[in-house]
Amino acid sequence: MTVQTIGEGLAADEGALYARVQQFYAEQVALLDDLRAEEFAATFTEDGVFAPSPSVPAAHGRAAIAAALLAAHERRFRSEEVRRRHWYNMLRVSVRPDGALHTRYYTLVAVTRPWNPVPDIGPSSVVEDLLVLRDGALLTRERRVVPDHLSF
């Protein structure tokens, strides 16, 4: 696996970099919303870290990330049929001196049930990621999520 810095061509064109990060998140969040846990985890580096809340232990590595995602869904919804949609907004992207990308954005989660056309909204959170380029693909090396109700 070849490690590249983002600065190799992309950082020079901020618009292209921003669009590429947006596309990465659009693809990644579709996997999350469809509960395709292993495929979602594959968008992280092999040693990636996913910390979904300061009150929950971080998952380290792809297998742990996939397992944590499935366990959280089971705890929250059991066998209830739901559709989840993560809405990302206010994305900021910056290139770090080491070539990784630091991103920060807001997220809302909408949960819809078949019997109710009005979704439940929540939680509202701030997400910070470190993204790296590996063999031409963006991957998440670390994700830290802080739900707004825990940030006071």
N, C-alpha and C. Protein backbone atom coordinates (compact mmCIF):
# COMPACT_ATOMS: atom_id res chain seq x y z
N MET A 1 0.85 -1.17 0.00
CA MET A 1 0.00 0.00 0.00
C MET A 1 0.89 1.23 0.00
N THR A 2 0.67 2.12 -0.92
CA THR A 2 1.46 3.32 -1.06
C THR A 2 0.81 4.45 -0.29
N VAL A 3 1.57 5.09 0.58
CA VAL A 3 1.08 6.24 1.31
C VAL A 3 1.49 7.48 0.54
N GLN A 4 0.52 8.34 0.27
CA GLN A 4 0.79 9.58 -0.44
C GLN A 4 0.34 10.73 0.43
N THR A 5 0.89 11.89 0.17
CA THR A 5 0.38 13.06 0.87
C THR A 5 -0.67 13.70 -0.02
N ILE A 6 -1.64 14.32 0.61
CA ILE A 6 -2.71 14.99 -0.12
C ILE A 6 -2.11 16.09 -0.99
N GLY A 7 -1.03 16.68 -0.51
CA GLY A 7 -0.41 17.78 -1.22
C GLY A 7 0.13 17.42 -2.59
N GLU A 8 0.22 16.14 -2.91
CA GLU A 8 0.74 15.73 -4.22
C GLU A 8 -0.31 16.03 -5.30
N GLY A 9 -0.46 17.32 -5.62
CA GLY A 9 -1.33 17.72 -6.71
C GLY A 9 -2.68 18.25 -6.28
N LEU A 10 -3.32 17.65 -5.31
CA LEU A 10 -4.69 18.05 -4.98
C LEU A 10 -4.77 19.34 -4.19
N ALA A 11 -3.90 19.53 -3.21
CA ALA A 11 -4.02 20.70 -2.36
C ALA A 11 -3.85 21.99 -3.14
N ALA A 12 -3.18 21.94 -4.27
CA ALA A 12 -2.99 23.12 -5.09
C ALA A 12 -4.32 23.63 -5.64
N ASP A 13 -5.29 22.74 -5.83
CA ASP A 13 -6.61 23.11 -6.33
C ASP A 13 -7.62 22.88 -5.21
N GLU A 14 -7.85 23.92 -4.40
CA GLU A 14 -8.72 23.77 -3.24
C GLU A 14 -10.12 23.32 -3.61
N GLY A 15 -10.64 23.79 -4.74
CA GLY A 15 -11.97 23.38 -5.17
C GLY A 15 -12.05 21.89 -5.46
N ALA A 16 -11.04 21.36 -6.13
CA ALA A 16 -11.01 19.92 -6.44
C ALA A 16 -10.85 19.11 -5.16
N LEU A 17 -10.04 19.59 -4.24
CA LEU A 17 -9.86 18.90 -2.97
C LEU A 17 -11.17 18.85 -2.19
N TYR A 18 -11.85 19.97 -2.09
CA TYR A 18 -13.11 20.05 -1.36
C TYR A 18 -14.15 19.12 -2.01
N ALA A 19 -14.23 19.13 -3.32
CA ALA A 19 -15.18 18.26 -4.03
C ALA A 19 -14.85 16.78 -3.79
N ARG A 20 -13.58 16.46 -3.78
CA ARG A 20 -13.19 15.06 -3.56
C ARG A 20 -13.56 14.60 -2.16
N VAL A 21 -13.35 15.47 -1.18
CA VAL A 21 -13.73 15.12 0.20
C VAL A 21 -15.23 14.99 0.31
N GLN A 22 -15.99 15.89 -0.31
CA GLN A 22 -17.45 15.80 -0.30
C GLN A 22 -17.91 14.48 -0.90
N GLN A 23 -17.32 14.09 -2.02
CA GLN A 23 -17.70 12.83 -2.68
C GLN A 23 -17.36 11.63 -1.79
N PHE A 24 -16.20 11.68 -1.15
CA PHE A 24 -15.83 10.62 -0.21
C PHE A 24 -16.88 10.47 0.88
N TYR A 25 -17.28 11.59 1.48
CA TYR A 25 -18.28 11.53 2.54
C TYR A 25 -19.64 11.06 2.02
N ALA A 26 -20.02 11.47 0.82
CA ALA A 26 -21.29 11.01 0.25
C ALA A 26 -21.30 9.49 0.11
N GLU A 27 -20.20 8.93 -0.34
CA GLU A 27 -20.11 7.48 -0.49
C GLU A 27 -20.03 6.79 0.87
N GLN A 28 -19.26 7.34 1.79
CA GLN A 28 -19.10 6.73 3.10
C GLN A 28 -20.41 6.75 3.88
N VAL A 29 -21.11 7.87 3.87
CA VAL A 29 -22.34 7.97 4.67
C VAL A 29 -23.45 7.09 4.10
N ALA A 30 -23.45 6.84 2.80
CA ALA A 30 -24.44 5.92 2.24
C ALA A 30 -24.23 4.52 2.81
N LEU A 31 -22.99 4.12 2.98
CA LEU A 31 -22.70 2.82 3.60
C LEU A 31 -23.15 2.80 5.05
N LEU A 32 -22.92 3.88 5.76
CA LEU A 32 -23.34 3.98 7.15
C LEU A 32 -24.86 3.91 7.26
N ASP A 33 -25.56 4.70 6.45
CA ASP A 33 -27.02 4.73 6.51
C ASP A 33 -27.64 3.40 6.12
N ASP A 34 -27.01 2.68 5.22
CA ASP A 34 -27.52 1.37 4.80
C ASP A 34 -27.06 0.24 5.73
N LEU A 35 -26.33 0.59 6.77
CA LEU A 35 -25.80 -0.36 7.76
C LEU A 35 -24.95 -1.45 7.11
N ARG A 36 -24.16 -1.04 6.12
CA ARG A 36 -23.20 -1.94 5.49
C ARG A 36 -21.89 -1.78 6.25
N ALA A 37 -21.89 -2.39 7.44
CA ALA A 37 -20.85 -2.13 8.44
C ALA A 37 -19.45 -2.45 7.96
N GLU A 38 -19.26 -3.60 7.33
CA GLU A 38 -17.91 -3.97 6.88
C GLU A 38 -17.42 -3.02 5.79
N GLU A 39 -18.31 -2.65 4.89
CA GLU A 39 -17.91 -1.73 3.82
C GLU A 39 -17.63 -0.33 4.37
N PHE A 40 -18.44 0.10 5.35
CA PHE A 40 -18.19 1.37 6.01
C PHE A 40 -16.82 1.33 6.69
N ALA A 41 -16.54 0.26 7.42
CA ALA A 41 -15.26 0.13 8.12
C ALA A 41 -14.10 0.12 7.13
N ALA A 42 -14.31 -0.38 5.93
CA ALA A 42 -13.25 -0.42 4.92
C ALA A 42 -12.88 0.98 4.41
N THR A 43 -13.68 2.00 4.75
CA THR A 43 -13.34 3.38 4.38
C THR A 43 -12.40 4.01 5.42
N PHE A 44 -12.02 3.22 6.42
CA PHE A 44 -11.04 3.63 7.43
C PHE A 44 -9.72 2.92 7.11
N THR A 45 -8.63 3.46 7.60
CA THR A 45 -7.35 2.76 7.47
C THR A 45 -7.45 1.48 8.31
N GLU A 46 -6.56 0.53 8.05
CA GLU A 46 -6.60 -0.73 8.78
C GLU A 46 -6.50 -0.52 10.29
N ASP A 47 -5.76 0.51 10.70
CA ASP A 47 -5.62 0.81 12.13
C ASP A 47 -6.46 2.02 12.52
N GLY A 48 -7.49 2.32 11.73
CA GLY A 48 -8.33 3.48 11.97
C GLY A 48 -9.00 3.48 13.33
N VAL A 49 -9.34 4.68 13.78
CA VAL A 49 -10.00 4.88 15.07
C VAL A 49 -11.34 5.56 14.83
N PHE A 50 -12.38 5.01 15.45
CA PHE A 50 -13.71 5.61 15.38
C PHE A 50 -14.21 5.81 16.80
N ALA A 51 -14.34 7.07 17.21
CA ALA A 51 -14.82 7.42 18.55
C ALA A 51 -16.18 8.11 18.38
N PRO A 52 -17.29 7.35 18.49
CA PRO A 52 -18.61 7.91 18.20
C PRO A 52 -19.15 8.86 19.26
N SER A 53 -18.52 8.91 20.41
CA SER A 53 -18.95 9.80 21.49
C SER A 53 -17.91 9.74 22.60
N PRO A 54 -17.71 10.84 23.33
CA PRO A 54 -16.77 10.78 24.45
C PRO A 54 -17.20 9.78 25.52
N SER A 55 -18.47 9.41 25.55
CA SER A 55 -18.97 8.48 26.56
C SER A 55 -18.89 7.02 26.13
N VAL A 56 -18.38 6.77 24.93
CA VAL A 56 -18.29 5.41 24.39
C VAL A 56 -16.83 5.12 24.05
N PRO A 57 -16.31 3.95 24.42
CA PRO A 57 -14.92 3.64 24.05
C PRO A 57 -14.72 3.65 22.53
N ALA A 58 -13.60 4.16 22.11
CA ALA A 58 -13.28 4.20 20.68
C ALA A 58 -13.05 2.79 20.15
N ALA A 59 -13.42 2.57 18.90
CA ALA A 59 -13.15 1.31 18.21
C ALA A 59 -11.86 1.49 17.42
N HIS A 60 -10.96 0.51 17.52
CA HIS A 60 -9.67 0.57 16.84
C HIS A 60 -9.58 -0.56 15.82
N GLY A 61 -9.41 -0.21 14.56
CA GLY A 61 -9.30 -1.21 13.51
C GLY A 61 -10.65 -1.49 12.85
N ARG A 62 -10.57 -1.94 11.62
CA ARG A 62 -11.78 -2.13 10.81
C ARG A 62 -12.77 -3.12 11.41
N ALA A 63 -12.30 -4.26 11.90
CA ALA A 63 -13.22 -5.25 12.47
C ALA A 63 -13.94 -4.68 13.68
N ALA A 64 -13.23 -3.97 14.53
CA ALA A 64 -13.85 -3.37 15.72
C ALA A 64 -14.83 -2.27 15.34
N ILE A 65 -14.51 -1.49 14.31
CA ILE A 65 -15.42 -0.44 13.86
C ILE A 65 -16.72 -1.05 13.36
N ALA A 66 -16.64 -2.07 12.53
CA ALA A 66 -17.84 -2.73 12.00
C ALA A 66 -18.67 -3.32 13.15
N ALA A 67 -18.01 -3.99 14.08
CA ALA A 67 -18.71 -4.61 15.21
C ALA A 67 -19.38 -3.56 16.09
N ALA A 68 -18.69 -2.45 16.34
CA ALA A 68 -19.25 -1.38 17.18
C ALA A 68 -20.45 -0.75 16.52
N LEU A 69 -20.40 -0.56 15.21
CA LEU A 69 -21.52 0.02 14.47
C LEU A 69 -22.75 -0.88 14.58
N LEU A 70 -22.57 -2.17 14.35
CA LEU A 70 -23.70 -3.11 14.44
C LEU A 70 -24.24 -3.20 15.86
N ALA A 71 -23.37 -3.22 16.85
CA ALA A 71 -23.80 -3.30 18.25
C ALA A 71 -24.58 -2.05 18.66
N ALA A 72 -24.13 -0.89 18.24
CA ALA A 72 -24.84 0.36 18.56
C ALA A 72 -26.23 0.38 17.94
N HIS A 73 -26.32 -0.08 16.70
CA HIS A 73 -27.63 -0.14 16.03
C HIS A 73 -28.56 -1.10 16.77
N GLU A 74 -28.04 -2.24 17.15
CA GLU A 74 -28.84 -3.24 17.88
C GLU A 74 -29.31 -2.69 19.22
N ARG A 75 -28.42 -2.01 19.95
CA ARG A 75 -28.80 -1.44 21.25
C ARG A 75 -29.91 -0.40 21.10
N ARG A 76 -29.78 0.42 20.08
CA ARG A 76 -30.73 1.53 19.93
C ARG A 76 -32.06 1.10 19.32
N PHE A 77 -32.02 0.21 18.33
CA PHE A 77 -33.24 -0.08 17.58
C PHE A 77 -33.73 -1.52 17.70
N ARG A 78 -32.92 -2.41 18.27
CA ARG A 78 -33.25 -3.83 18.34
C ARG A 78 -33.67 -4.31 16.94
N SER A 79 -34.84 -4.89 16.81
CA SER A 79 -35.27 -5.39 15.50
C SER A 79 -36.22 -4.40 14.81
N GLU A 80 -36.39 -3.20 15.38
CA GLU A 80 -37.28 -2.20 14.80
C GLU A 80 -36.78 -1.78 13.41
N GLU A 81 -37.70 -1.70 12.49
CA GLU A 81 -37.36 -1.27 11.14
C GLU A 81 -37.26 0.26 11.11
N VAL A 82 -36.10 0.75 10.73
CA VAL A 82 -35.87 2.20 10.65
C VAL A 82 -35.01 2.51 9.43
N ARG A 83 -35.10 3.75 9.00
CA ARG A 83 -34.17 4.30 8.02
C ARG A 83 -33.44 5.44 8.72
N ARG A 84 -32.11 5.42 8.64
CA ARG A 84 -31.32 6.50 9.21
C ARG A 84 -30.65 7.26 8.09
N ARG A 85 -30.62 8.57 8.26
CA ARG A 85 -29.93 9.44 7.32
C ARG A 85 -29.05 10.39 8.12
N HIS A 86 -27.78 10.36 7.82
CA HIS A 86 -26.83 11.29 8.43
C HIS A 86 -26.67 12.48 7.48
N TRP A 87 -26.92 13.67 7.98
CA TRP A 87 -26.80 14.89 7.19
C TRP A 87 -25.56 15.63 7.64
N TYR A 88 -24.61 15.80 6.72
CA TYR A 88 -23.37 16.51 7.01
C TYR A 88 -23.47 17.91 6.43
N ASN A 89 -22.94 18.89 7.16
CA ASN A 89 -22.99 20.27 6.69
C ASN A 89 -21.84 21.05 7.31
N MET A 90 -21.58 22.20 6.74
CA MET A 90 -20.55 23.13 7.23
C MET A 90 -19.17 22.50 7.26
N LEU A 91 -18.86 21.76 6.21
CA LEU A 91 -17.58 21.07 6.10
C LEU A 91 -16.44 22.06 5.92
N ARG A 92 -15.41 21.88 6.75
CA ARG A 92 -14.15 22.61 6.59
C ARG A 92 -13.06 21.59 6.35
N VAL A 93 -12.18 21.88 5.41
CA VAL A 93 -11.10 20.98 5.05
C VAL A 93 -9.79 21.76 5.10
N SER A 94 -8.80 21.21 5.80
CA SER A 94 -7.47 21.84 5.80
C SER A 94 -6.41 20.76 5.67
N VAL A 95 -5.35 21.12 4.97
CA VAL A 95 -4.22 20.20 4.78
C VAL A 95 -3.23 20.44 5.91
N ARG A 96 -2.88 19.36 6.61
CA ARG A 96 -1.91 19.44 7.70
C ARG A 96 -0.50 19.38 7.14
N PRO A 97 0.48 19.81 7.92
CA PRO A 97 1.88 19.75 7.45
C PRO A 97 2.33 18.34 7.07
N ASP A 98 1.75 17.30 7.70
CA ASP A 98 2.15 15.93 7.37
C ASP A 98 1.44 15.40 6.13
N GLY A 99 0.60 16.23 5.49
CA GLY A 99 -0.09 15.83 4.27
C GLY A 99 -1.46 15.24 4.50
N ALA A 100 -1.81 14.94 5.75
CA ALA A 100 -3.16 14.44 6.04
C ALA A 100 -4.15 15.60 5.97
N LEU A 101 -5.41 15.27 5.85
CA LEU A 101 -6.45 16.28 5.86
C LEU A 101 -7.13 16.28 7.22
N HIS A 102 -7.37 17.45 7.74
CA HIS A 102 -8.20 17.60 8.94
C HIS A 102 -9.54 18.15 8.44
N THR A 103 -10.63 17.46 8.78
CA THR A 103 -11.95 17.96 8.42
C THR A 103 -12.76 18.15 9.69
N ARG A 104 -13.68 19.09 9.61
CA ARG A 104 -14.60 19.36 10.72
C ARG A 104 -15.94 19.69 10.08
N TYR A 105 -16.99 19.06 10.60
CA TYR A 105 -18.32 19.31 10.06
C TYR A 105 -19.37 19.01 11.11
N TYR A 106 -20.59 19.49 10.83
CA TYR A 106 -21.73 19.22 11.70
C TYR A 106 -22.51 18.05 11.11
N THR A 107 -23.17 17.31 11.98
CA THR A 107 -24.03 16.23 11.51
C THR A 107 -25.31 16.18 12.33
N LEU A 108 -26.38 15.86 11.63
CA LEU A 108 -27.67 15.54 12.23
C LEU A 108 -28.05 14.15 11.77
N VAL A 109 -28.72 13.41 12.62
CA VAL A 109 -29.19 12.08 12.23
C VAL A 109 -30.72 12.12 12.24
N ALA A 110 -31.31 11.76 11.10
CA ALA A 110 -32.77 11.65 10.99
C ALA A 110 -33.13 10.17 10.99
N VAL A 111 -34.08 9.78 11.84
CA VAL A 111 -34.53 8.39 11.93
C VAL A 111 -36.00 8.35 11.56
N THR A 112 -36.32 7.60 10.52
CA THR A 112 -37.69 7.48 10.04
C THR A 112 -38.16 6.05 10.23
N ARG A 113 -39.40 5.93 10.66
CA ARG A 113 -40.04 4.63 10.85
C ARG A 113 -41.16 4.49 9.83
N PRO A 114 -41.50 3.26 9.41
CA PRO A 114 -42.48 3.07 8.34
C PRO A 114 -43.86 3.64 8.66
N TRP A 115 -44.20 3.73 9.91
CA TRP A 115 -45.52 4.19 10.30
C TRP A 115 -45.60 5.69 10.55
N ASN A 116 -44.48 6.40 10.44
CA ASN A 116 -44.46 7.83 10.73
C ASN A 116 -43.65 8.58 9.68
N PRO A 117 -44.30 9.43 8.87
CA PRO A 117 -43.55 10.16 7.83
C PRO A 117 -42.67 11.28 8.39
N VAL A 118 -42.83 11.61 9.67
CA VAL A 118 -42.03 12.67 10.27
C VAL A 118 -40.86 12.03 11.03
N PRO A 119 -39.64 12.28 10.60
CA PRO A 119 -38.49 11.63 11.26
C PRO A 119 -38.20 12.23 12.63
N ASP A 120 -37.60 11.42 13.47
CA ASP A 120 -37.00 11.92 14.71
C ASP A 120 -35.63 12.47 14.32
N ILE A 121 -35.29 13.63 14.84
CA ILE A 121 -34.01 14.26 14.51
C ILE A 121 -33.13 14.25 15.75
N GLY A 122 -31.93 13.76 15.58
CA GLY A 122 -30.98 13.79 16.68
C GLY A 122 -30.11 12.56 16.66
N PRO A 123 -28.96 12.62 17.15
CA PRO A 123 -28.38 13.78 17.79
C PRO A 123 -27.75 14.75 16.79
N SER A 124 -27.48 15.93 17.29
CA SER A 124 -26.70 16.93 16.58
C SER A 124 -25.28 16.84 17.13
N SER A 125 -24.30 16.81 16.24
CA SER A 125 -22.91 16.59 16.68
C SER A 125 -21.93 17.39 15.84
N VAL A 126 -20.71 17.50 16.38
CA VAL A 126 -19.56 17.99 15.64
C VAL A 126 -18.65 16.79 15.41
N VAL A 127 -18.17 16.64 14.18
CA VAL A 127 -17.29 15.53 13.82
C VAL A 127 -15.96 16.11 13.34
N GLU A 128 -14.87 15.52 13.81
CA GLU A 128 -13.54 15.87 13.32
C GLU A 128 -12.86 14.59 12.85
N ASP A 129 -12.35 14.64 11.62
CA ASP A 129 -11.69 13.50 11.01
C ASP A 129 -10.27 13.85 10.60
N LEU A 130 -9.45 12.81 10.54
CA LEU A 130 -8.17 12.88 9.84
C LEU A 130 -8.30 11.93 8.66
N LEU A 131 -8.11 12.45 7.47
CA LEU A 131 -8.17 11.65 6.26
C LEU A 131 -6.78 11.54 5.66
N VAL A 132 -6.49 10.38 5.08
CA VAL A 132 -5.22 10.16 4.41
C VAL A 132 -5.48 9.58 3.03
N LEU A 133 -4.51 9.69 2.17
CA LEU A 133 -4.58 9.14 0.82
C LEU A 133 -3.73 7.88 0.77
N ARG A 134 -4.36 6.76 0.43
CA ARG A 134 -3.66 5.48 0.32
C ARG A 134 -3.99 4.87 -1.03
N ASP A 135 -2.97 4.61 -1.82
CA ASP A 135 -3.15 4.03 -3.15
C ASP A 135 -4.21 4.79 -3.94
N GLY A 136 -4.19 6.11 -3.82
CA GLY A 136 -5.09 6.96 -4.59
C GLY A 136 -6.48 7.15 -4.00
N ALA A 137 -6.77 6.49 -2.88
CA ALA A 137 -8.11 6.58 -2.28
C ALA A 137 -8.03 7.30 -0.93
N LEU A 138 -9.03 8.12 -0.64
CA LEU A 138 -9.12 8.72 0.68
C LEU A 138 -9.62 7.68 1.68
N LEU A 139 -9.04 7.69 2.87
CA LEU A 139 -9.47 6.82 3.96
C LEU A 139 -9.47 7.64 5.25
N THR A 140 -10.35 7.28 6.16
CA THR A 140 -10.39 7.93 7.46
C THR A 140 -9.40 7.23 8.38
N ARG A 141 -8.48 8.00 8.92
CA ARG A 141 -7.54 7.45 9.89
C ARG A 141 -8.09 7.58 11.30
N GLU A 142 -8.84 8.66 11.54
CA GLU A 142 -9.41 8.87 12.87
C GLU A 142 -10.66 9.72 12.75
N ARG A 143 -11.70 9.31 13.49
CA ARG A 143 -12.95 10.09 13.57
C ARG A 143 -13.33 10.25 15.03
N ARG A 144 -13.57 11.49 15.41
CA ARG A 144 -14.04 11.81 16.76
C ARG A 144 -15.36 12.57 16.61
N VAL A 145 -16.40 12.05 17.27
CA VAL A 145 -17.73 12.66 17.22
C VAL A 145 -18.06 13.16 18.62
N VAL A 146 -18.51 14.40 18.71
CA VAL A 146 -18.94 14.96 19.99
C VAL A 146 -20.39 15.43 19.84
N PRO A 147 -21.33 14.65 20.38
CA PRO A 147 -22.73 15.09 20.36
C PRO A 147 -22.86 16.41 21.12
N ASP A 148 -23.67 17.32 20.58
CA ASP A 148 -23.79 18.64 21.17
C ASP A 148 -24.20 18.61 22.65
N HIS A 149 -25.06 17.68 23.01
CA HIS A 149 -25.52 17.65 24.41
C HIS A 149 -24.39 17.26 25.38
N LEU A 150 -23.31 16.71 24.86
CA LEU A 150 -22.16 16.36 25.71
C LEU A 150 -21.05 17.41 25.65
N SER A 151 -21.27 18.50 24.94
CA SER A 151 -20.20 19.49 24.75
C SER A 151 -20.32 20.70 25.67
N PHE A 152 -21.25 20.68 26.57
CA PHE A 152 -21.43 21.82 27.47
C PHE A 152 -20.46 21.75 28.64
